[in-house]
Amino acid sequence: MSFEVNVVKEIHPGVFWMLLEFPTSRLLEEILDDSYQYVWCHNHIVGNYSWAQYRLPLFRDNVAYDVTSRIMSFDFLMPTENFKAALPKCAPGIHVIQLNKMPPDYFDLDKIKGQARYELLADCEWLFEFDVPGNDNGQIASPNKQLLLALQRNASVSHGDLC
C-alpha cells in the first residue's frame, strides 16, 4: 500500500492524518499551540550505545542510584512553554502529543491503538500526535482537520525548510 505525501486523510471518524516527507522535530516550531497545556513526549531517548555514568531512580521508591547505563527510553510530560524552550535541544526524531489534560496512567501508547487510542486522546483534549523518525517520512494525526490543511499549505513544509 502506498501513501501520498502531504495529503490529508480521515483515518477514523473525526481523526485526520497526513504523511510528511522527511520532517524533523523542527517542524514543531510551526504547529505547537500555546493555548494547549502539555506536550507528551513518548519514547524519548537519552544516551547512545556508549556506556556512561548517570544517577537514576531504579525502583518505585524513586531513590536515585549511581549507575552505568546507555540508551534510556521514557515518556515525559511538560508544560508547552517549557517544551518549546527545550525544543532546540531535541533530536530530529521525536514522537509527541499536544494536549490539555493529563493522560490516564494506564494509557500506554505502545499498546492502545485505533479507535480506543483516539477516544482516550479525545478525553485528554488532544490537538495533534506528531511521530517522525528524523531521517525518513513521518506522520501527524489530529482531530483538527484545519490544522493539517494549514500545515499542508505551509510553504516551509512543502519545500522542506523546517525538516
N, C-alpha and C. Protein backbone atom coordinates (compact mmCIF):
# COMPACT_ATOMS: atom_id res chain seq x y z
N MET A 1 0.84 -1.17 0.00
CA MET A 1 0.00 0.00 0.00
C MET A 1 0.89 1.24 0.00
N SER A 2 0.61 2.18 -0.85
CA SER A 2 1.39 3.40 -0.88
C SER A 2 0.53 4.57 -0.41
N PHE A 3 1.19 5.53 0.16
CA PHE A 3 0.52 6.71 0.68
C PHE A 3 1.07 7.94 -0.02
N GLU A 4 0.21 8.90 -0.23
CA GLU A 4 0.65 10.15 -0.83
C GLU A 4 1.14 11.09 0.27
N VAL A 5 2.21 11.79 0.00
CA VAL A 5 2.78 12.74 0.94
C VAL A 5 1.95 14.03 0.92
N ASN A 6 1.76 14.62 2.11
CA ASN A 6 1.06 15.89 2.29
C ASN A 6 -0.39 15.85 1.81
N VAL A 7 -1.04 14.71 1.95
CA VAL A 7 -2.46 14.57 1.62
C VAL A 7 -3.20 14.21 2.91
N VAL A 8 -4.22 14.98 3.25
CA VAL A 8 -4.98 14.76 4.47
C VAL A 8 -6.02 13.67 4.23
N LYS A 9 -6.04 12.69 5.13
CA LYS A 9 -7.00 11.59 5.04
C LYS A 9 -7.66 11.41 6.40
N GLU A 10 -8.93 11.02 6.39
CA GLU A 10 -9.63 10.70 7.63
C GLU A 10 -9.39 9.22 7.91
N ILE A 11 -8.69 8.91 9.01
CA ILE A 11 -8.31 7.53 9.30
C ILE A 11 -9.25 6.84 10.28
N HIS A 12 -9.95 7.62 11.06
CA HIS A 12 -11.00 7.18 11.98
C HIS A 12 -12.01 8.30 11.99
N PRO A 13 -13.25 8.04 12.38
CA PRO A 13 -14.22 9.13 12.41
C PRO A 13 -13.72 10.32 13.24
N GLY A 14 -13.57 11.46 12.58
CA GLY A 14 -13.13 12.68 13.27
C GLY A 14 -11.64 12.76 13.54
N VAL A 15 -10.85 11.85 12.98
CA VAL A 15 -9.39 11.87 13.15
C VAL A 15 -8.75 11.93 11.77
N PHE A 16 -7.93 12.96 11.58
CA PHE A 16 -7.31 13.20 10.28
C PHE A 16 -5.82 12.94 10.38
N TRP A 17 -5.22 12.52 9.27
CA TRP A 17 -3.82 12.08 9.25
C TRP A 17 -3.16 12.56 7.96
N MET A 18 -1.86 12.82 8.08
CA MET A 18 -1.10 13.21 6.90
C MET A 18 0.32 12.65 7.00
N LEU A 19 0.79 12.10 5.90
CA LEU A 19 2.17 11.65 5.78
C LEU A 19 3.03 12.85 5.42
N LEU A 20 4.12 13.02 6.14
CA LEU A 20 5.03 14.16 5.92
C LEU A 20 6.33 13.65 5.32
N GLU A 21 6.88 14.40 4.40
CA GLU A 21 8.12 13.99 3.73
C GLU A 21 9.34 14.50 4.50
N PHE A 22 10.04 13.58 5.12
CA PHE A 22 11.30 13.83 5.84
C PHE A 22 11.21 14.98 6.85
N PRO A 23 10.17 14.99 7.71
CA PRO A 23 10.10 16.05 8.71
C PRO A 23 11.04 15.76 9.88
N THR A 24 11.33 16.78 10.64
CA THR A 24 12.10 16.63 11.87
C THR A 24 11.37 17.37 12.99
N SER A 25 11.93 17.29 14.17
CA SER A 25 11.35 17.98 15.32
C SER A 25 11.25 19.49 15.11
N ARG A 26 12.04 20.03 14.20
CA ARG A 26 11.99 21.48 13.93
C ARG A 26 10.61 21.93 13.47
N LEU A 27 9.86 21.04 12.84
CA LEU A 27 8.53 21.38 12.36
C LEU A 27 7.58 21.71 13.51
N LEU A 28 7.87 21.21 14.70
CA LEU A 28 7.03 21.52 15.86
C LEU A 28 6.98 23.02 16.15
N GLU A 29 8.02 23.75 15.77
CA GLU A 29 8.02 25.21 15.96
C GLU A 29 6.81 25.83 15.27
N GLU A 30 6.36 25.22 14.19
CA GLU A 30 5.24 25.74 13.41
C GLU A 30 3.88 25.30 13.93
N ILE A 31 3.81 24.20 14.65
CA ILE A 31 2.49 23.66 14.97
C ILE A 31 2.14 23.62 16.45
N LEU A 32 3.10 23.79 17.34
CA LEU A 32 2.75 23.82 18.77
C LEU A 32 1.85 25.02 19.05
N ASP A 33 0.83 24.80 19.83
CA ASP A 33 -0.16 25.83 20.14
C ASP A 33 -0.05 26.20 21.61
N ASP A 34 0.24 27.46 21.89
CA ASP A 34 0.42 27.94 23.26
C ASP A 34 -0.83 27.81 24.11
N SER A 35 -1.99 27.67 23.50
CA SER A 35 -3.23 27.56 24.29
C SER A 35 -3.43 26.15 24.84
N TYR A 36 -2.60 25.20 24.42
CA TYR A 36 -2.67 23.83 24.95
C TYR A 36 -1.65 23.69 26.07
N GLN A 37 -2.05 22.99 27.13
CA GLN A 37 -1.24 22.95 28.34
C GLN A 37 0.03 22.12 28.27
N TYR A 38 -0.06 20.94 27.66
CA TYR A 38 1.04 19.98 27.78
C TYR A 38 1.55 19.46 26.44
N VAL A 39 2.79 18.99 26.50
CA VAL A 39 3.36 18.18 25.43
C VAL A 39 3.81 16.88 26.09
N TRP A 40 3.32 15.79 25.54
CA TRP A 40 3.67 14.44 26.00
C TRP A 40 4.68 13.89 25.00
N CYS A 41 5.88 13.65 25.45
CA CYS A 41 6.93 13.10 24.61
C CYS A 41 7.03 11.60 24.91
N HIS A 42 6.85 10.79 23.87
CA HIS A 42 6.80 9.34 24.01
C HIS A 42 8.11 8.71 23.53
N ASN A 43 8.60 7.76 24.31
CA ASN A 43 9.84 7.03 23.98
C ASN A 43 11.02 7.97 23.72
N HIS A 44 11.13 8.98 24.58
CA HIS A 44 12.27 9.89 24.50
C HIS A 44 13.53 9.11 24.85
N ILE A 45 14.60 9.34 24.11
CA ILE A 45 15.84 8.59 24.33
C ILE A 45 16.94 9.54 24.80
N VAL A 46 17.60 9.11 25.87
CA VAL A 46 18.77 9.81 26.39
C VAL A 46 19.92 8.82 26.33
N GLY A 47 21.06 9.30 25.92
CA GLY A 47 22.22 8.43 25.81
C GLY A 47 22.35 7.87 24.41
N ASN A 48 23.32 6.99 24.27
CA ASN A 48 23.56 6.34 22.99
C ASN A 48 24.08 4.94 23.28
N TYR A 49 24.83 4.36 22.41
CA TYR A 49 25.31 2.99 22.61
C TYR A 49 26.54 2.92 23.50
N SER A 50 27.06 4.07 23.89
CA SER A 50 28.22 4.08 24.79
C SER A 50 27.76 4.08 26.24
N TRP A 51 28.41 3.32 27.05
CA TRP A 51 28.11 3.29 28.49
C TRP A 51 28.56 4.60 29.11
N ALA A 52 27.74 5.15 30.00
CA ALA A 52 28.06 6.42 30.67
C ALA A 52 27.47 6.41 32.07
N GLN A 53 28.01 7.28 32.92
CA GLN A 53 27.56 7.39 34.31
C GLN A 53 26.31 8.27 34.39
N TYR A 54 25.31 7.78 35.13
CA TYR A 54 24.08 8.53 35.38
C TYR A 54 23.64 8.30 36.81
N ARG A 55 22.80 9.17 37.28
CA ARG A 55 22.15 9.00 38.58
C ARG A 55 20.66 8.83 38.27
N LEU A 56 20.15 7.61 38.46
CA LEU A 56 18.79 7.29 38.04
C LEU A 56 17.99 6.58 39.12
N PRO A 57 16.69 6.85 39.16
CA PRO A 57 15.83 6.03 40.03
C PRO A 57 15.62 4.67 39.35
N LEU A 58 15.79 3.61 40.10
CA LEU A 58 15.67 2.27 39.53
C LEU A 58 14.42 1.53 39.99
N PHE A 59 13.80 2.02 41.05
CA PHE A 59 12.67 1.32 41.63
C PHE A 59 11.55 2.31 41.94
N ARG A 60 10.42 1.80 42.34
CA ARG A 60 9.25 2.64 42.61
C ARG A 60 9.46 3.65 43.74
N ASP A 61 10.43 3.44 44.59
CA ASP A 61 10.66 4.40 45.68
C ASP A 61 11.35 5.68 45.20
N ASN A 62 11.74 5.73 43.91
CA ASN A 62 12.36 6.90 43.28
C ASN A 62 13.69 7.33 43.88
N VAL A 63 14.34 6.45 44.62
CA VAL A 63 15.68 6.75 45.13
C VAL A 63 16.65 6.63 43.95
N ALA A 64 17.48 7.64 43.76
CA ALA A 64 18.43 7.64 42.65
C ALA A 64 19.69 6.85 43.01
N TYR A 65 20.18 6.09 42.05
CA TYR A 65 21.39 5.30 42.21
C TYR A 65 22.40 5.74 41.16
N ASP A 66 23.68 5.66 41.51
CA ASP A 66 24.74 5.89 40.54
C ASP A 66 24.88 4.61 39.72
N VAL A 67 24.68 4.74 38.42
CA VAL A 67 24.72 3.56 37.55
C VAL A 67 25.49 3.89 36.28
N THR A 68 25.92 2.84 35.63
CA THR A 68 26.46 2.96 34.28
C THR A 68 25.36 2.44 33.37
N SER A 69 24.97 3.28 32.42
CA SER A 69 23.81 2.95 31.60
C SER A 69 24.03 3.42 30.17
N ARG A 70 23.12 3.03 29.31
CA ARG A 70 23.08 3.51 27.94
C ARG A 70 21.64 3.39 27.42
N ILE A 71 21.33 4.20 26.47
CA ILE A 71 20.05 4.19 25.78
C ILE A 71 18.86 4.07 26.74
N MET A 72 18.59 5.13 27.46
CA MET A 72 17.43 5.17 28.33
C MET A 72 16.25 5.73 27.54
N SER A 73 15.13 5.06 27.61
CA SER A 73 13.93 5.46 26.89
C SER A 73 12.79 5.63 27.90
N PHE A 74 12.08 6.75 27.80
CA PHE A 74 11.00 7.02 28.74
C PHE A 74 10.04 8.04 28.14
N ASP A 75 8.86 8.13 28.73
CA ASP A 75 7.90 9.16 28.40
C ASP A 75 8.03 10.29 29.40
N PHE A 76 7.76 11.50 28.95
CA PHE A 76 7.65 12.61 29.89
C PHE A 76 6.59 13.58 29.40
N LEU A 77 6.06 14.34 30.32
CA LEU A 77 5.05 15.34 30.04
C LEU A 77 5.55 16.64 30.63
N MET A 78 5.39 17.73 29.88
CA MET A 78 5.79 19.02 30.42
C MET A 78 4.90 20.12 29.85
N PRO A 79 4.82 21.25 30.54
CA PRO A 79 4.04 22.36 30.00
C PRO A 79 4.57 22.77 28.62
N THR A 80 3.65 23.17 27.76
CA THR A 80 4.01 23.56 26.39
C THR A 80 5.12 24.60 26.38
N GLU A 81 5.00 25.60 27.23
CA GLU A 81 6.01 26.67 27.26
C GLU A 81 7.40 26.12 27.55
N ASN A 82 7.50 25.21 28.50
CA ASN A 82 8.79 24.60 28.85
C ASN A 82 9.31 23.72 27.72
N PHE A 83 8.40 22.99 27.08
CA PHE A 83 8.81 22.14 25.97
C PHE A 83 9.35 22.98 24.82
N LYS A 84 8.69 24.10 24.52
CA LYS A 84 9.15 24.96 23.44
C LYS A 84 10.56 25.49 23.73
N ALA A 85 10.85 25.77 24.99
CA ALA A 85 12.19 26.23 25.36
C ALA A 85 13.22 25.12 25.17
N ALA A 86 12.82 23.87 25.40
CA ALA A 86 13.73 22.73 25.27
C ALA A 86 13.82 22.21 23.84
N LEU A 87 12.88 22.58 22.99
CA LEU A 87 12.80 22.03 21.63
C LEU A 87 14.10 22.14 20.82
N PRO A 88 14.84 23.24 20.89
CA PRO A 88 16.08 23.30 20.11
C PRO A 88 17.10 22.20 20.47
N LYS A 89 16.98 21.64 21.66
CA LYS A 89 17.90 20.57 22.07
C LYS A 89 17.41 19.18 21.67
N CYS A 90 16.18 19.10 21.18
CA CYS A 90 15.62 17.80 20.83
C CYS A 90 16.28 17.23 19.57
N ALA A 91 16.35 15.92 19.54
CA ALA A 91 16.86 15.23 18.36
C ALA A 91 15.88 15.42 17.21
N PRO A 92 16.32 15.21 15.96
CA PRO A 92 15.42 15.35 14.81
C PRO A 92 14.21 14.41 14.86
N GLY A 93 14.41 13.20 15.38
CA GLY A 93 13.32 12.25 15.50
C GLY A 93 12.61 12.44 16.83
N ILE A 94 11.27 12.45 16.80
CA ILE A 94 10.52 12.70 18.02
C ILE A 94 9.10 12.20 17.86
N HIS A 95 8.49 11.81 18.97
CA HIS A 95 7.08 11.40 18.99
C HIS A 95 6.42 12.17 20.12
N VAL A 96 5.55 13.12 19.77
CA VAL A 96 4.89 13.95 20.79
C VAL A 96 3.40 14.05 20.51
N ILE A 97 2.67 14.32 21.58
CA ILE A 97 1.25 14.62 21.51
C ILE A 97 1.04 15.91 22.30
N GLN A 98 0.33 16.87 21.70
CA GLN A 98 -0.01 18.07 22.44
C GLN A 98 -1.44 17.93 22.92
N LEU A 99 -1.65 18.21 24.22
CA LEU A 99 -2.96 18.00 24.83
C LEU A 99 -3.21 18.98 25.97
N ASN A 100 -4.43 18.98 26.46
CA ASN A 100 -4.82 19.89 27.53
C ASN A 100 -4.97 19.23 28.88
N LYS A 101 -5.16 17.93 28.90
CA LYS A 101 -5.36 17.20 30.16
C LYS A 101 -4.34 16.07 30.27
N MET A 102 -3.96 15.79 31.51
CA MET A 102 -3.04 14.68 31.76
C MET A 102 -3.64 13.36 31.28
N PRO A 103 -2.88 12.55 30.58
CA PRO A 103 -3.39 11.23 30.18
C PRO A 103 -3.50 10.32 31.40
N PRO A 104 -4.44 9.37 31.37
CA PRO A 104 -4.53 8.44 32.49
C PRO A 104 -3.28 7.56 32.57
N ASP A 105 -2.99 7.11 33.75
CA ASP A 105 -1.78 6.30 33.99
C ASP A 105 -1.73 5.05 33.13
N TYR A 106 -2.86 4.46 32.81
CA TYR A 106 -2.89 3.21 32.06
C TYR A 106 -2.76 3.41 30.54
N PHE A 107 -2.71 4.66 30.09
CA PHE A 107 -2.66 4.93 28.65
C PHE A 107 -1.25 4.66 28.15
N ASP A 108 -1.05 3.50 27.56
CA ASP A 108 0.24 3.08 27.01
C ASP A 108 0.18 3.21 25.49
N LEU A 109 0.88 4.17 24.94
CA LEU A 109 0.84 4.43 23.51
C LEU A 109 1.35 3.25 22.68
N ASP A 110 2.18 2.40 23.27
CA ASP A 110 2.68 1.24 22.53
C ASP A 110 1.64 0.12 22.45
N LYS A 111 0.62 0.16 23.30
CA LYS A 111 -0.36 -0.92 23.34
C LYS A 111 -1.75 -0.51 22.90
N ILE A 112 -2.14 0.72 23.13
CA ILE A 112 -3.50 1.15 22.80
C ILE A 112 -3.49 1.81 21.43
N LYS A 113 -4.17 1.19 20.50
CA LYS A 113 -4.17 1.65 19.10
C LYS A 113 -5.60 1.87 18.61
N GLY A 114 -5.72 2.41 17.42
CA GLY A 114 -7.01 2.53 16.75
C GLY A 114 -7.99 3.43 17.47
N GLN A 115 -9.27 3.06 17.39
CA GLN A 115 -10.34 3.90 17.92
C GLN A 115 -10.20 4.11 19.43
N ALA A 116 -9.78 3.09 20.17
CA ALA A 116 -9.61 3.23 21.62
C ALA A 116 -8.58 4.31 21.93
N ARG A 117 -7.52 4.35 21.17
CA ARG A 117 -6.48 5.38 21.34
C ARG A 117 -7.07 6.78 21.14
N TYR A 118 -7.84 6.95 20.06
CA TYR A 118 -8.37 8.27 19.75
C TYR A 118 -9.45 8.70 20.73
N GLU A 119 -10.17 7.75 21.30
CA GLU A 119 -11.15 8.08 22.35
C GLU A 119 -10.43 8.58 23.59
N LEU A 120 -9.35 7.91 23.98
CA LEU A 120 -8.56 8.36 25.15
C LEU A 120 -7.93 9.73 24.87
N LEU A 121 -7.41 9.91 23.67
CA LEU A 121 -6.83 11.21 23.32
C LEU A 121 -7.90 12.30 23.36
N ALA A 122 -9.11 11.99 22.92
CA ALA A 122 -10.20 12.97 22.98
C ALA A 122 -10.49 13.36 24.43
N ASP A 123 -10.44 12.38 25.33
CA ASP A 123 -10.64 12.67 26.75
C ASP A 123 -9.56 13.60 27.29
N CYS A 124 -8.39 13.56 26.66
CA CYS A 124 -7.25 14.41 27.07
C CYS A 124 -7.25 15.75 26.31
N GLU A 125 -8.25 15.95 25.47
CA GLU A 125 -8.34 17.17 24.66
C GLU A 125 -7.07 17.40 23.84
N TRP A 126 -6.75 16.42 23.00
CA TRP A 126 -5.52 16.48 22.21
C TRP A 126 -5.67 17.41 21.02
N LEU A 127 -4.56 17.99 20.60
CA LEU A 127 -4.52 18.79 19.38
C LEU A 127 -3.92 17.98 18.24
N PHE A 128 -2.79 17.31 18.49
CA PHE A 128 -2.15 16.51 17.44
C PHE A 128 -1.22 15.48 18.04
N GLU A 129 -0.93 14.46 17.23
CA GLU A 129 0.11 13.48 17.51
C GLU A 129 1.08 13.56 16.35
N PHE A 130 2.35 13.77 16.65
CA PHE A 130 3.40 14.00 15.66
C PHE A 130 4.46 12.95 15.90
N ASP A 131 4.71 12.08 14.91
CA ASP A 131 5.64 10.97 15.08
C ASP A 131 6.57 10.92 13.88
N VAL A 132 7.81 11.33 14.10
CA VAL A 132 8.77 11.37 13.00
C VAL A 132 10.10 10.74 13.43
N PRO A 133 10.68 9.92 12.55
CA PRO A 133 11.96 9.30 12.89
C PRO A 133 13.15 10.25 12.75
N GLY A 134 12.98 11.33 11.99
CA GLY A 134 14.07 12.29 11.82
C GLY A 134 14.94 12.03 10.61
N ASN A 135 14.74 10.87 9.97
CA ASN A 135 15.54 10.55 8.79
C ASN A 135 14.72 9.84 7.70
N ASP A 136 13.40 9.97 7.79
CA ASP A 136 12.50 9.31 6.84
C ASP A 136 11.16 10.02 6.91
N ASN A 137 10.17 9.51 6.19
CA ASN A 137 8.84 10.09 6.27
C ASN A 137 8.29 9.96 7.68
N GLY A 138 7.48 10.92 8.08
CA GLY A 138 6.84 10.91 9.38
C GLY A 138 5.35 11.14 9.22
N GLN A 139 4.66 11.30 10.34
CA GLN A 139 3.22 11.45 10.26
C GLN A 139 2.69 12.37 11.35
N ILE A 140 1.53 12.94 11.06
CA ILE A 140 0.82 13.75 12.03
C ILE A 140 -0.66 13.37 11.95
N ALA A 141 -1.29 13.26 13.11
CA ALA A 141 -2.73 13.00 13.19
C ALA A 141 -3.34 14.04 14.11
N SER A 142 -4.62 14.36 13.86
CA SER A 142 -5.29 15.38 14.65
C SER A 142 -6.79 15.29 14.47
N PRO A 143 -7.55 15.68 15.50
CA PRO A 143 -8.98 15.80 15.31
C PRO A 143 -9.32 17.12 14.60
N ASN A 144 -8.33 17.97 14.45
CA ASN A 144 -8.50 19.29 13.84
C ASN A 144 -8.01 19.25 12.39
N LYS A 145 -8.93 19.02 11.48
CA LYS A 145 -8.57 18.93 10.06
C LYS A 145 -7.93 20.22 9.57
N GLN A 146 -8.39 21.35 10.08
CA GLN A 146 -7.85 22.65 9.64
C GLN A 146 -6.37 22.79 9.97
N LEU A 147 -5.94 22.21 11.08
CA LEU A 147 -4.51 22.24 11.44
C LEU A 147 -3.69 21.56 10.35
N LEU A 148 -4.15 20.39 9.89
CA LEU A 148 -3.41 19.66 8.86
C LEU A 148 -3.48 20.38 7.52
N LEU A 149 -4.63 20.96 7.20
CA LEU A 149 -4.74 21.70 5.94
C LEU A 149 -3.83 22.92 5.94
N ALA A 150 -3.72 23.61 7.08
CA ALA A 150 -2.81 24.76 7.18
C ALA A 150 -1.37 24.30 7.05
N LEU A 151 -1.05 23.17 7.64
CA LEU A 151 0.31 22.62 7.53
C LEU A 151 0.60 22.22 6.09
N GLN A 152 -0.39 21.68 5.43
CA GLN A 152 -0.27 21.28 4.02
C GLN A 152 0.04 22.49 3.14
N ARG A 153 -0.56 23.65 3.46
CA ARG A 153 -0.36 24.87 2.67
C ARG A 153 0.91 25.63 3.05
N ASN A 154 1.54 25.26 4.15
CA ASN A 154 2.71 25.98 4.64
C ASN A 154 3.90 25.74 3.69
N ALA A 155 4.37 26.80 3.09
CA ALA A 155 5.47 26.71 2.11
C ALA A 155 6.73 26.12 2.74
N SER A 156 6.96 26.39 4.02
CA SER A 156 8.14 25.85 4.68
C SER A 156 8.11 24.34 4.71
N VAL A 157 6.92 23.78 4.88
CA VAL A 157 6.78 22.33 4.93
C VAL A 157 6.94 21.74 3.54
N SER A 158 6.26 22.32 2.58
CA SER A 158 6.31 21.73 1.23
C SER A 158 7.68 21.85 0.60
N HIS A 159 8.49 22.80 1.05
CA HIS A 159 9.83 22.93 0.49
C HIS A 159 10.91 22.35 1.41
N GLY A 160 10.50 21.75 2.52
CA GLY A 160 11.46 21.10 3.39
C GLY A 160 12.29 22.05 4.22
N ASP A 161 11.92 23.32 4.32
CA ASP A 161 12.73 24.28 5.07
C ASP A 161 12.77 23.99 6.57
N LEU A 162 11.74 23.37 7.09
CA LEU A 162 11.69 23.07 8.52
C LEU A 162 11.88 21.59 8.78
N CYS A 163 12.46 20.91 7.86
CA CYS A 163 12.65 19.47 8.01
C CYS A 163 14.09 19.14 8.30
